[in-house]
C-alpha atoms as a PDB file:
ATOM      1  CA  MET A   1      37.507  -0.014 165.820  1.00  0.00           C
ATOM      2  CA  SER A   2      36.732   3.297 164.876  1.00  0.00           C
ATOM      3  CA  GLU A   3      39.713   5.868 164.174  1.00  0.00           C
ATOM      4  CA  THR A   4      38.118   8.631 166.230  1.00  0.00           C
ATOM      5  CA  ALA A   5      37.565   8.586 170.017  1.00  0.00           C
ATOM      6  CA  ILE A   6      35.705  11.529 170.941  1.00  0.00           C
ATOM      7  CA  VAL A   7      33.582  13.136 168.670  1.00  0.00           C
ATOM      8  CA  VAL A   8      31.561  16.521 169.812  1.00  0.00           C
ATOM      9  CA  GLU A   9      29.068  17.927 167.467  1.00  0.00           C
ATOM     10  CA  ASN A  10      26.846  21.454 167.812  1.00  0.00           C
ATOM     11  CA  ILE A  11      27.289  21.582 172.074  1.00  0.00           C
ATOM     12  CA  ALA A  12      26.293  24.224 173.316  1.00  0.00           C
ATOM     13  CA  LYS A  13      25.944  24.764 177.415  1.00  0.00           C
ATOM     14  CA  SER A  14      24.602  27.622 179.416  1.00  0.00           C
ATOM     15  CA  PHE A  15      24.316  28.161 182.969  1.00  0.00           C
ATOM     16  CA  ASP A  16      21.453  30.005 183.211  1.00  0.00           C
ATOM     17  CA  LYS A  17      22.302  33.318 181.527  1.00  0.00           C
ATOM     18  CA  ASN A  18      25.435  32.413 181.177  1.00  0.00           C
ATOM     19  CA  VAL A  19      26.598  31.341 177.951  1.00  0.00           C
ATOM     20  CA  ILE A  20      29.893  28.919 178.094  1.00  0.00           C
ATOM     21  CA  PHE A  21      29.506  27.091 174.605  1.00  0.00           C
ATOM     22  CA  GLU A  22      27.593  27.743 171.603  1.00  0.00           C
ATOM     23  CA  ASN A  23      27.497  25.582 168.124  1.00  0.00           C
ATOM     24  CA  CYS A  24      30.917  23.824 169.459  1.00  0.00           C
ATOM     25  CA  SER A  25      32.190  21.022 167.312  1.00  0.00           C
ATOM     26  CA  VAL A  26      35.859  18.748 167.700  1.00  0.00           C
ATOM     27  CA  SER A  27      36.498  15.476 166.696  1.00  0.00           C
ATOM     28  CA  ILE A  28      39.649  13.444 168.025  1.00  0.00           C
ATOM     29  CA  GLY A  29      41.344  10.564 166.771  1.00  0.00           C
ATOM     30  CA  ARG A  30      42.286   7.159 168.852  1.00  0.00           C
ATOM     31  CA  GLY A  31      45.772   7.732 169.573  1.00  0.00           C
ATOM     32  CA  THR A  32      45.853  11.662 169.917  1.00  0.00           C
ATOM     33  CA  VAL A  33      47.659  13.644 172.732  1.00  0.00           C
ATOM     34  CA  PHE A  34      45.220  16.736 172.397  1.00  0.00           C
ATOM     35  CA  GLY A  35      45.588  20.021 174.435  1.00  0.00           C
ATOM     36  CA  LEU A  36      43.160  22.254 175.578  1.00  0.00           C
ATOM     37  CA  VAL A  37      43.820  25.456 176.603  1.00  0.00           C
ATOM     38  CA  GLY A  38      42.118  28.838 177.321  1.00  0.00           C
ATOM     39  CA  LEU A  39      41.570  31.938 179.664  1.00  0.00           C
ATOM     40  CA  ASN A  40      40.525  31.002 183.375  1.00  0.00           C
ATOM     41  CA  GLY A  41      36.238  30.757 183.005  1.00  0.00           C
ATOM     42  CA  SER A  42      36.447  29.975 179.121  1.00  0.00           C
ATOM     43  CA  GLY A  43      34.870  26.166 180.119  1.00  0.00           C
ATOM     44  CA  LYS A  44      37.736  24.044 180.255  1.00  0.00           C
ATOM     45  CA  THR A  45      37.330  21.956 183.733  1.00  0.00           C
ATOM     46  CA  THR A  46      33.411  22.336 182.116  1.00  0.00           C
ATOM     47  CA  PHE A  47      34.592  20.707 179.077  1.00  0.00           C
ATOM     48  CA  ILE A  48      35.592  18.045 180.334  1.00  0.00           C
ATOM     49  CA  ARG A  49      33.085  17.150 182.899  1.00  0.00           C
ATOM     50  CA  MET A  50      30.607  17.282 179.820  1.00  0.00           C
ATOM     51  CA  LEU A  51      33.058  14.447 178.044  1.00  0.00           C
ATOM     52  CA  LEU A  52      32.622  12.455 181.824  1.00  0.00           C
ATOM     53  CA  GLY A  53      28.688  12.430 181.438  1.00  0.00           C
ATOM     54  CA  LEU A  54      29.234  15.510 184.842  1.00  0.00           C
ATOM     55  CA  LEU A  55      27.205  17.758 183.088  1.00  0.00           C
ATOM     56  CA  LYS A  56      25.062  17.513 180.302  1.00  0.00           C
ATOM     57  CA  PRO A  57      25.145  19.509 177.154  1.00  0.00           C
ATOM     58  CA  SER A  58      22.136  21.999 176.706  1.00  0.00           C
ATOM     59  CA  SER A  59      22.358  20.503 173.005  1.00  0.00           C
ATOM     60  CA  GLY A  60      24.048  19.096 170.319  1.00  0.00           C
ATOM     61  CA  THR A  61      25.539  15.224 171.117  1.00  0.00           C
ATOM     62  CA  ILE A  62      28.560  14.042 172.408  1.00  0.00           C
ATOM     63  CA  SER A  63      30.468  10.381 171.700  1.00  0.00           C
ATOM     64  CA  VAL A  64      33.754   9.227 173.735  1.00  0.00           C
ATOM     65  CA  LEU A  65      34.477   5.348 172.416  1.00  0.00           C
ATOM     66  CA  GLY A  66      31.176   4.766 171.144  1.00  0.00           C
ATOM     67  CA  PHE A  67      29.590   5.939 174.281  1.00  0.00           C
ATOM     68  CA  ASP A  68      27.178   8.884 175.042  1.00  0.00           C
ATOM     69  CA  PRO A  69      28.336   9.633 178.015  1.00  0.00           C
ATOM     70  CA  TRP A  70      25.330  11.174 180.052  1.00  0.00           C
ATOM     71  CA  HIS A  71      24.273   7.331 179.917  1.00  0.00           C
ATOM     72  CA  HIS A  72      26.567   6.784 182.704  1.00  0.00           C
ATOM     73  CA  ASP A  73      27.667   3.236 181.835  1.00  0.00           C
ATOM     74  CA  PRO A  74      30.002   0.981 183.615  1.00  0.00           C
ATOM     75  CA  ALA A  75      31.670   0.190 181.030  1.00  0.00           C
ATOM     76  CA  TYR A  76      32.338   3.567 180.122  1.00  0.00           C
ATOM     77  CA  PHE A  77      33.894   4.780 182.898  1.00  0.00           C
ATOM     78  CA  ARG A  78      36.541   1.592 183.447  1.00  0.00           C
ATOM     79  CA  ARG A  79      37.978   2.854 179.918  1.00  0.00           C
ATOM     80  CA  LEU A  80      38.513   6.125 181.647  1.00  0.00           C
ATOM     81  CA  GLY A  81      42.002   7.480 183.533  1.00  0.00           C
ATOM     82  CA  VAL A  82      40.643  11.052 184.836  1.00  0.00           C
ATOM     83  CA  ILE A  83      42.540  14.185 186.890  1.00  0.00           C
ATOM     84  CA  LEU A  84      39.984  16.724 188.212  1.00  0.00           C
ATOM     85  CA  ASP A  85      40.335  19.381 190.382  1.00  0.00           C
ATOM     86  CA  HIS A  86      41.117  16.704 193.199  1.00  0.00           C
ATOM     87  CA  ASP A  87      43.532  13.915 193.235  1.00  0.00           C
ATOM     88  CA  GLY A  88      40.356  11.659 194.923  1.00  0.00           C
ATOM     89  CA  PHE A  89      42.126   9.948 197.754  1.00  0.00           C
ATOM     90  CA  ALA A  90      40.859   9.410 200.701  1.00  0.00           C
ATOM     91  CA  GLY A  91      43.327  11.237 203.285  1.00  0.00           C
ATOM     92  CA  ASN A  92      42.899   8.682 206.046  1.00  0.00           C
ATOM     93  CA  MET A  93      44.064   5.801 203.900  1.00  0.00           C
ATOM     94  CA  THR A  94      47.316   5.029 202.519  1.00  0.00           C
ATOM     95  CA  ILE A  95      48.291   4.708 199.016  1.00  0.00           C
ATOM     96  CA  ALA A  96      48.297   1.272 198.916  1.00  0.00           C
ATOM     97  CA  GLU A  97      44.729   1.624 200.162  1.00  0.00           C
ATOM     98  CA  ASN A  98      43.111   3.913 198.115  1.00  0.00           C
ATOM     99  CA  LEU A  99      44.383   1.997 194.927  1.00  0.00           C
ATOM    100  CA  GLY A 100      42.738  -1.143 196.029  1.00  0.00           C
ATOM    101  CA  VAL A 101      39.353   0.818 196.210  1.00  0.00           C
ATOM    102  CA  TYR A 102      39.926   1.798 192.279  1.00  0.00           C
ATOM    103  CA  ALA A 103      41.736  -1.628 191.782  1.00  0.00           C
ATOM    104  CA  GLY A 104      37.873  -3.231 192.722  1.00  0.00           C
ATOM    105  CA  ALA A 105      36.135  -0.324 190.356  1.00  0.00           C
ATOM    106  CA  LYS A 106      38.293  -0.861 187.417  1.00  0.00           C
ATOM    107  CA  GLY A 107      38.049  -5.067 188.015  1.00  0.00           C
ATOM    108  CA  LEU A 108      41.498  -5.874 189.232  1.00  0.00           C
ATOM    109  CA  THR A 109      42.906  -8.283 191.324  1.00  0.00           C
ATOM    110  CA  GLY A 110      45.783  -7.339 193.874  1.00  0.00           C
ATOM    111  CA  GLN A 111      48.407  -8.500 192.281  1.00  0.00           C
ATOM    112  CA  LYS A 112      47.575  -6.310 188.714  1.00  0.00           C
ATOM    113  CA  VAL A 113      48.100  -3.395 190.289  1.00  0.00           C
ATOM    114  CA  ASN A 114      51.043  -4.379 192.095  1.00  0.00           C
ATOM    115  CA  ASP A 115      52.464  -5.371 188.326  1.00  0.00           C
ATOM    116  CA  TYR A 116      51.471  -1.539 187.497  1.00  0.00           C
ATOM    117  CA  VAL A 117      53.622  -0.070 190.229  1.00  0.00           C
ATOM    118  CA  ASP A 118      56.417  -2.287 189.610  1.00  0.00           C
ATOM    119  CA  GLN A 119      56.301  -1.986 185.912  1.00  0.00           C
ATOM    120  CA  TYR A 120      55.827   2.366 185.934  1.00  0.00           C
ATOM    121  CA  TRP A 121      56.591   3.512 189.328  1.00  0.00           C
ATOM    122  CA  LYS A 122      59.841   2.093 190.049  1.00  0.00           C
ATOM    123  CA  ASP A 123      62.491   4.934 191.139  1.00  0.00           C
ATOM    124  CA  THR A 124      59.618   7.343 192.649  1.00  0.00           C
ATOM    125  CA  PHE A 125      58.425   7.925 196.350  1.00  0.00           C
ATOM    126  CA  LEU A 126      55.333   6.440 195.333  1.00  0.00           C
ATOM    127  CA  TYR A 127      56.239   3.226 195.115  1.00  0.00           C
ATOM    128  CA  GLU A 128      58.632   2.708 198.245  1.00  0.00           C
ATOM    129  CA  GLU A 129      55.338   4.234 200.036  1.00  0.00           C
ATOM    130  CA  TYR A 130      52.852   1.366 198.048  1.00  0.00           C
ATOM    131  CA  PHE A 131      54.952  -1.318 198.712  1.00  0.00           C
ATOM    132  CA  SER A 132      56.123  -0.220 202.689  1.00  0.00           C
ATOM    133  CA  PRO A 133      53.696   2.705 203.423  1.00  0.00           C
ATOM    134  CA  LYS A 134      54.515   4.818 206.235  1.00  0.00           C
ATOM    135  CA  LYS A 135      52.180   7.544 205.687  1.00  0.00           C
ATOM    136  CA  LYS A 136      48.664   8.033 205.097  1.00  0.00           C
ATOM    137  CA  VAL A 137      47.869  10.230 202.163  1.00  0.00           C
ATOM    138  CA  LYS A 138      46.785  13.661 204.162  1.00  0.00           C
ATOM    139  CA  TYR A 139      49.995  13.986 205.447  1.00  0.00           C
ATOM    140  CA  LEU A 140      51.539  13.914 201.690  1.00  0.00           C
ATOM    141  CA  SER A 141      52.390  16.874 200.273  1.00  0.00           C
ATOM    142  CA  ARG A 142      51.090  18.719 197.321  1.00  0.00           C
ATOM    143  CA  GLY A 143      53.144  17.536 194.555  1.00  0.00           C
ATOM    144  CA  GLN A 144      53.225  13.972 195.614  1.00  0.00           C
ATOM    145  CA  LYS A 145      49.635  13.906 195.899  1.00  0.00           C
ATOM    146  CA  MET A 146      49.666  14.918 192.351  1.00  0.00           C
ATOM    147  CA  GLN A 147      51.772  11.541 191.299  1.00  0.00           C
ATOM    148  CA  CYS A 148      49.310   9.592 193.133  1.00  0.00           C
ATOM    149  CA  ALA A 149      46.569  11.182 191.213  1.00  0.00           C
ATOM    150  CA  ILE A 150      48.193  10.510 188.015  1.00  0.00           C
ATOM    151  CA  CYS A 151      48.970   7.025 189.209  1.00  0.00           C
ATOM    152  CA  ARG A 152      45.202   6.430 189.695  1.00  0.00           C
ATOM    153  CA  ALA A 153      44.348   7.847 186.106  1.00  0.00           C
ATOM    154  CA  PHE A 154      46.388   5.603 184.618  1.00  0.00           C
ATOM    155  CA  LEU A 155      45.582   2.464 186.402  1.00  0.00           C
ATOM    156  CA  ALA A 156      44.592  -0.392 184.354  1.00  0.00           C
ATOM    157  CA  GLY A 157      45.629   1.498 180.725  1.00  0.00           C
ATOM    158  CA  PRO A 158      42.627   3.721 179.946  1.00  0.00           C
ATOM    159  CA  GLU A 159      41.527   3.874 176.741  1.00  0.00           C
ATOM    160  CA  ALA A 160      41.112   7.684 176.895  1.00  0.00           C
ATOM    161  CA  LEU A 161      42.529   9.746 180.049  1.00  0.00           C
ATOM    162  CA  PHE A 162      40.961  13.286 180.763  1.00  0.00           C
ATOM    163  CA  LEU A 163      43.520  15.245 182.626  1.00  0.00           C
ATOM    164  CA  ASP A 164      42.792  18.789 184.093  1.00  0.00           C
ATOM    165  CA  GLU A 165      45.486  20.391 185.347  1.00  0.00           C
ATOM    166  CA  PRO A 166      47.769  17.343 185.904  1.00  0.00           C
ATOM    167  CA  THR A 167      51.489  18.893 186.328  1.00  0.00           C
ATOM    168  CA  VAL A 168      50.717  21.216 189.039  1.00  0.00           C
ATOM    169  CA  ALA A 169      52.410  21.336 191.853  1.00  0.00           C
ATOM    170  CA  LEU A 170      55.321  18.279 190.430  1.00  0.00           C
ATOM    171  CA  ASP A 171      59.012  18.916 190.544  1.00  0.00           C
ATOM    172  CA  VAL A 172      61.079  17.891 187.508  1.00  0.00           C
ATOM    173  CA  ASP A 173      61.404  14.454 187.707  1.00  0.00           C
ATOM    174  CA  ALA A 174      57.801  13.959 188.264  1.00  0.00           C
ATOM    175  CA  ILE A 175      57.348  16.087 184.982  1.00  0.00           C
ATOM    176  CA  ASP A 176      59.724  13.613 183.559  1.00  0.00           C
ATOM    177  CA  HIS A 177      58.281  10.875 184.489  1.00  0.00           C
ATOM    178  CA  PHE A 178      54.617  12.207 183.703  1.00  0.00           C
ATOM    179  CA  TYR A 179      55.510  13.018 179.929  1.00  0.00           C
ATOM    180  CA  SER A 180      56.686   9.079 179.706  1.00  0.00           C
ATOM    181  CA  LEU A 181      53.289   7.753 181.240  1.00  0.00           C
ATOM    182  CA  VAL A 182      51.482  10.183 178.501  1.00  0.00           C
ATOM    183  CA  LYS A 183      53.807   8.551 175.794  1.00  0.00           C
ATOM    184  CA  GLN A 184      53.105   5.417 176.445  1.00  0.00           C
ATOM    185  CA  ALA A 185      49.864   5.504 176.801  1.00  0.00           C
ATOM    186  CA  GLN A 186      49.421   7.139 173.211  1.00  0.00           C
ATOM    187  CA  GLY A 187      51.836   3.868 171.763  1.00  0.00           C
ATOM    188  CA  ARG A 188      48.859   1.692 173.170  1.00  0.00           C
ATOM    189  CA  VAL A 189      46.619   4.052 170.891  1.00  0.00           C
ATOM    190  CA  GLY A 190      45.338   6.052 174.106  1.00  0.00           C
ATOM    191  CA  THR A 191      43.529   9.261 173.389  1.00  0.00           C
ATOM    192  CA  VAL A 192      44.587  11.829 176.069  1.00  0.00           C
ATOM    193  CA  LEU A 193      42.744  14.980 177.029  1.00  0.00           C
ATOM    194  CA  ILE A 194      45.116  17.372 178.786  1.00  0.00           C
ATOM    195  CA  SER A 195      43.633  20.787 180.053  1.00  0.00           C
ATOM    196  CA  SER A 196      46.803  23.388 181.388  1.00  0.00           C
ATOM    197  CA  HIS A 197      47.719  26.730 181.709  1.00  0.00           C
ATOM    198  CA  GLN A 198      51.122  25.213 181.719  1.00  0.00           C
ATOM    199  CA  LEU A 199      51.961  25.564 178.249  1.00  0.00           C
ATOM    200  CA  SER A 200      55.630  24.515 177.905  1.00  0.00           C
ATOM    201  CA  ALA A 201      53.893  20.733 178.843  1.00  0.00           C
ATOM    202  CA  ILE A 202      50.914  21.685 176.044  1.00  0.00           C
ATOM    203  CA  GLU A 203      53.821  22.313 173.503  1.00  0.00           C
ATOM    204  CA  ASP A 204      55.895  19.368 174.579  1.00  0.00           C
ATOM    205  CA  LEU A 205      53.511  16.833 174.824  1.00  0.00           C
ATOM    206  CA  CYS A 206      50.431  17.330 172.406  1.00  0.00           C
ATOM    207  CA  ASP A 207      50.363  16.956 169.016  1.00  0.00           C
ATOM    208  CA  THR A 208      46.761  18.591 168.586  1.00  0.00           C
ATOM    209  CA  VAL A 209      46.031  21.820 170.697  1.00  0.00           C
ATOM    210  CA  GLY A 210      42.602  23.431 170.833  1.00  0.00           C
ATOM    211  CA  MET A 211      41.837  26.761 172.512  1.00  0.00           C
ATOM    212  CA  LEU A 212      38.518  27.674 173.970  1.00  0.00           C
ATOM    213  CA  HIS A 213      37.210  30.952 172.597  1.00  0.00           C
ATOM    214  CA  ASN A 214      34.082  32.768 171.768  1.00  0.00           C
ATOM    215  CA  LYS A 215      32.259  29.931 172.898  1.00  0.00           C
ATOM    216  CA  THR A 216      33.775  26.920 170.689  1.00  0.00           C
ATOM    217  CA  VAL A 217      36.890  25.273 170.153  1.00  0.00           C
ATOM    218  CA  THR A 218      39.412  26.394 167.880  1.00  0.00           C
ATOM    219  CA  ILE A 219      42.287  23.966 166.753  1.00  0.00           C
ATOM    220  CA  VAL A 220      45.935  26.202 167.110  1.00  0.00           C
ATOM    221  CA  LYS A 221      48.070  23.486 166.429  1.00  0.00           C
ATOM    222  CA  SER A 222      47.707  20.038 164.432  1.00  0.00           C
ATOM    223  CA  PRO A 223      50.416  17.206 163.270  1.00  0.00           C
ATOM    224  CA  GLY A 224      52.721  19.081 160.990  1.00  0.00           C
ATOM    225  CA  HIS A 225      53.745  18.633 157.326  1.00  0.00           C
ATOM    226  CA  ALA A 226      55.821  15.792 156.443  1.00  0.00           C
ATOM    227  CA  GLY A 227      59.074  16.500 154.356  1.00  0.00           C
ATOM    228  CA  GLY A 228      60.581  19.316 156.386  1.00  0.00           C
ATOM    229  CA  ALA A 229      57.755  21.956 155.236  1.00  0.00           C
ATOM    230  CA  ALA A 230      57.709  25.043 157.122  1.00  0.00           C
ATOM    231  CA  SER A 231      54.543  27.134 158.157  1.00  0.00           C
ATOM    232  CA  TRP A 232      53.889  30.549 155.985  1.00  0.00           C
ATOM    233  CA  ILE A 233      50.913  33.050 155.867  1.00  0.00           C
ATOM    234  CA  VAL A 234      50.298  35.471 153.132  1.00  0.00           C
ATOM    235  CA  ARG A 235      47.987  37.734 154.258  1.00  0.00           C
ATOM    236  CA  CYS A 236      45.630  39.385 151.590  1.00  0.00           C
ATOM    237  CA  ASP A 237      42.109  38.875 150.776  1.00  0.00           C
ATOM    238  CA  ALA A 238      39.965  35.588 150.614  1.00  0.00           C
ATOM    239  CA  ASP A 239      39.790  35.041 147.121  1.00  0.00           C
ATOM    240  CA  GLU A 240      40.221  31.203 145.861  1.00  0.00           C
ATOM    241  CA  ARG A 241      42.071  31.815 143.153  1.00  0.00           C
ATOM    242  CA  PHE A 242      45.132  33.324 145.647  1.00  0.00           C
ATOM    243  CA  GLY A 243      44.458  30.274 147.648  1.00  0.00           C
ATOM    244  CA  LYS A 244      44.975  27.728 144.457  1.00  0.00           C
ATOM    245  CA  ILE A 245      48.049  29.856 142.698  1.00  0.00           C
ATOM    246  CA  ILE A 246      49.591  29.191 146.757  1.00  0.00           C
ATOM    247  CA  GLU A 247      48.479  25.527 146.514  1.00  0.00           C
ATOM    248  CA  SER A 248      50.416  25.136 143.010  1.00  0.00           C
ATOM    249  CA  HIS A 249      53.329  25.872 144.388  1.00  0.00           C
ATOM    250  CA  THR A 250      53.574  24.436 147.419  1.00  0.00           C
ATOM    251  CA  GLY A 251      51.576  21.278 146.418  1.00  0.00           C
ATOM    252  CA  ASN A 252      49.790  21.724 149.920  1.00  0.00           C
ATOM    253  CA  PRO A 253      46.473  22.669 150.997  1.00  0.00           C
ATOM    254  CA  ALA A 254      46.323  26.653 151.435  1.00  0.00           C
ATOM    255  CA  VAL A 255      43.628  27.804 154.293  1.00  0.00           C
ATOM    256  CA  PHE A 256      42.093  31.217 154.723  1.00  0.00           C
ATOM    257  CA  ARG A 257      42.108  32.421 158.625  1.00  0.00           C
ATOM    258  CA  ASP A 258      42.615  35.358 160.309  1.00  0.00           C
ATOM    259  CA  ASN A 259      42.444  37.179 157.231  1.00  0.00           C
ATOM    260  CA  ALA A 260      45.382  35.513 156.254  1.00  0.00           C
ATOM    261  CA  TRP A 261      46.029  32.288 153.687  1.00  0.00           C
ATOM    262  CA  HIS A 262      48.060  29.345 155.703  1.00  0.00           C
ATOM    263  CA  PHE A 263      50.099  26.627 154.005  1.00  0.00           C
ATOM    264  CA  ALA A 264      53.129  24.746 154.097  1.00  0.00           C
ATOM    265  CA  LEU A 265      56.769  25.433 152.006  1.00  0.00           C
ATOM    266  CA  VAL A 266      59.127  22.885 151.798  1.00  0.00           C
ATOM    267  CA  GLU A 267      61.611  25.698 150.269  1.00  0.00           C
ATOM    268  CA  PRO A 268      61.182  29.415 150.670  1.00  0.00           C
ATOM    269  CA  GLU A 269      63.906  30.660 149.647  1.00  0.00           C
ATOM    270  CA  THR A 270      62.672  29.743 145.932  1.00  0.00           C
ATOM    271  CA  GLY A 271      58.865  29.619 147.033  1.00  0.00           C
ATOM    272  CA  ILE A 272      57.497  32.453 148.796  1.00  0.00           C
ATOM    273  CA  PRO A 273      59.288  34.946 145.746  1.00  0.00           C
ATOM    274  CA  SER A 274      57.189  33.049 142.870  1.00  0.00           C
ATOM    275  CA  ILE A 275      54.141  32.887 145.327  1.00  0.00           C
ATOM    276  CA  VAL A 276      54.283  36.475 145.664  1.00  0.00           C
ATOM    277  CA  ALA A 277      55.115  37.465 141.825  1.00  0.00           C
ATOM    278  CA  HIS A 278      51.863  35.432 140.460  1.00  0.00           C
ATOM    279  CA  LEU A 279      49.830  36.743 142.860  1.00  0.00           C
ATOM    280  CA  ALA A 280      50.759  39.962 142.465  1.00  0.00           C
ATOM    281  CA  SER A 281      50.271  39.685 138.379  1.00  0.00           C
ATOM    282  CA  ASP A 282      46.757  38.329 139.587  1.00  0.00           C
ATOM    283  CA  GLY A 283      46.024  41.498 140.578  1.00  0.00           C
ATOM    284  CA  CYS A 284      46.372  40.539 144.680  1.00  0.00           C
ATOM    285  CA  ARG A 285      46.737  43.325 147.127  1.00  0.00           C
ATOM    286  CA  ILE A 286      49.209  41.642 149.237  1.00  0.00           C
ATOM    287  CA  LEU A 287      49.752  43.057 152.815  1.00  0.00           C
ATOM    288  CA  GLN A 288      52.066  40.790 154.481  1.00  0.00           C
ATOM    289  CA  VAL A 289      53.921  38.016 153.704  1.00  0.00           C
ATOM    290  CA  CYS A 290      55.833  35.870 156.557  1.00  0.00           C
ATOM    291  CA  PRO A 291      56.832  32.765 158.674  1.00  0.00           C
ATOM    292  CA  GLU A 292      53.894  31.651 160.914  1.00  0.00           C
ATOM    293  CA  ALA A 293      54.260  32.127 165.087  1.00  0.00           C
ATOM    294  CA  ASP A 294      56.587  29.085 165.853  1.00  0.00           C
ATOM    295  CA  SER A 295      55.188  29.065 169.112  1.00  0.00           C
ATOM    296  CA  LEU A 296      52.430  27.635 170.863  1.00  0.00           C
ATOM    297  CA  LYS A 297      51.886  31.216 172.718  1.00  0.00           C
ATOM    298  CA  ASP A 298      51.859  33.384 169.524  1.00  0.00           C
ATOM    299  CA  ARG A 299      49.743  30.453 167.775  1.00  0.00           C
ATOM    300  CA  ILE A 300      46.995  31.295 171.171  1.00  0.00           C
ATOM    301  CA  GLN A 301      47.483  34.764 170.830  1.00  0.00           C
ATOM    302  CA  GLY A 302      47.338  35.425 167.049  1.00  0.00           C
ATOM    303  CA  SER A 303      44.207  33.354 167.320  1.00  0.00           C
ATOM    304  CA  ARG A 304      42.508  35.102 169.695  1.00  0.00           C
ATOM    305  CA  SER A 305      43.225  38.734 167.954  1.00  0.00           C
ATOM    306  CA  GLY A 306      42.225  37.314 164.656  1.00  0.00           C
ATOM    307  CA  GLY A 307      38.512  37.083 166.425  1.00  0.00           C
ATOM    308  CA  GLY A 308      38.935  33.126 165.237  1.00  0.00           C
ATOM    309  CA  ALA A 309      35.968  31.143 166.758  1.00  0.00           C
END
């Protein structure tokens, strides 16, 4: 089994003269919770629809779990869990009736669905409505309908989940429950892609975050360095000599982006003065030395203002 779940290579996508993606590439490993952020109209839903095979890239290739989504292989769809812009439930049916339809598409027995609801949805309104139905779905609140969508998405333990704004209208308890489902899916080495404007959820859940900007995906958060290292930046020229000086002091890679060297450092109290001294002695014109922005919001704003692509 490959360690990579999703591979997007050099895709482009246009609607008439409106270019959404251009030369966009990203790779997402199995067991990753990947956050997708961006401004309205940046292409988040379009990106997910291409991963699902609902839209075809104008050029480039996409592979998910070894499948080309555009081939529309039923075996591919049975491995997915999806939330798009609608809960997907028929309003004139109960929760149990709706889940029965999706269970049939997944090849699950009614007992398997019962076991799933019993294991993962106890102490929720959905548990009571499933086993003792009182309402058709159309009479549920907006937040309850979103929980239905989440329930359907996680049915049968999918290998990949694509969730577009999954926390909209959820109350505190429902959000906590959603978080637990995501973490359990990750523990099964499932891959979860979450698109949301709610940065707190992205920050809490996602170990990797990509921002849609300038018609491509820029990684603005990735798994941290071991050993308690903190992220720092030195804003200066892009000379490779300066990167090697930083790496010799930190033991970690130094990456140049947005007009600064980015690196991790365990003991900044002693390391930063030494790095600055050695850079200066090598003729480096240092404009700024500071810790890298801790919040995801700051990282996104920094990448956007730096023209990251």
